[in-house]
Amino acid sequence: MKTDINVEADRLAADPRISDYDFWRSLKNLNNEIFHIANNNEPIPFAMVRWRAILKQARSKRGHA
């Protein structure tokens, strides 16, 4: 699983079509959605947690925290 996250993060970080703003906006939207789900005491889908990890790593690989 960890390898899949790293591979996907590497692929996204290397894609010149995706801007730094795209990473930031996607991560912000995903975090907001997770927050709303958690506030409604609903289970957070594992795919959302996985994509959050991928986006964070890809953004980090580009040199942004």
Protein backbone atom coordinates (compact mmCIF):
# COMPACT_ATOMS: atom_id res chain seq x y z
CA MET A 1 0.00 0.00 0.00
CA LYS A 2 2.75 2.43 0.96
CA THR A 3 4.48 1.70 -2.34
CA ASP A 4 1.30 2.49 -4.29
CA ILE A 5 1.05 5.85 -2.54
CA ASN A 6 4.68 6.66 -3.31
CA VAL A 7 4.36 5.64 -6.97
CA GLU A 8 1.22 7.71 -7.46
CA ALA A 9 2.72 10.70 -5.63
CA ASP A 10 5.86 10.52 -7.80
CA ARG A 11 3.74 10.37 -10.94
CA LEU A 12 1.63 13.36 -9.96
CA ALA A 13 4.59 15.42 -8.76
CA ALA A 14 6.34 14.88 -12.11
CA ASP A 15 3.28 15.85 -14.18
CA PRO A 16 3.85 19.38 -15.53
CA ARG A 17 0.14 19.76 -16.34
CA ILE A 18 -0.68 19.91 -12.63
CA SER A 19 0.11 23.26 -11.05
CA ASP A 20 1.07 23.91 -7.46
CA TYR A 21 -2.26 25.65 -7.10
CA ASP A 22 -4.05 22.50 -8.35
CA PHE A 23 -2.35 20.48 -5.60
CA TRP A 24 -3.20 23.05 -2.95
CA ARG A 25 -6.84 23.40 -4.05
CA SER A 26 -7.38 19.65 -4.32
CA LEU A 27 -5.89 19.03 -0.90
CA LYS A 28 -7.97 21.83 0.63
CA ASN A 29 -11.19 20.50 -0.95
CA LEU A 30 -10.42 16.97 0.20
CA ASN A 31 -9.64 18.10 3.76
CA ASN A 32 -12.89 20.09 3.86
CA GLU A 33 -14.87 17.07 2.69
CA ILE A 34 -13.22 14.82 5.29
CA PHE A 35 -13.96 17.42 7.96
CA HIS A 36 -17.67 17.53 7.02
CA ILE A 37 -17.93 13.74 7.01
CA ALA A 38 -16.24 13.54 10.42
CA ASN A 39 -18.52 16.24 11.84
CA ASN A 40 -21.54 14.18 10.82
CA ASN A 41 -20.08 11.18 12.66
CA GLU A 42 -19.95 9.19 9.44
CA PRO A 43 -17.13 6.83 8.51
CA ILE A 44 -14.44 8.45 6.39
CA PRO A 45 -13.86 6.45 3.21
CA PHE A 46 -10.38 4.95 3.11
CA ALA A 47 -9.94 6.13 -0.49
CA MET A 48 -10.20 9.74 0.73
CA VAL A 49 -7.51 9.17 3.34
CA ARG A 50 -5.34 7.49 0.70
CA TRP A 51 -5.74 10.39 -1.76
CA ARG A 52 -4.95 12.88 0.98
CA ALA A 53 -1.66 11.06 1.61
CA ILE A 54 -0.90 10.99 -2.11
CA LEU A 55 -1.60 14.71 -2.56
CA LYS A 56 0.45 15.65 0.50
CA GLN A 57 3.42 13.61 -0.70
CA ALA A 58 3.19 14.87 -4.28
CA ARG A 59 3.04 18.47 -3.08
CA SER A 60 5.96 17.86 -0.74
CA LYS A 61 8.02 16.33 -3.56
CA ARG A 62 7.53 19.57 -5.43
CA GLY A 63 9.03 21.43 -2.50
CA HIS A 64 5.90 22.76 -0.81
CA ALA A 65 4.74 21.90 2.68
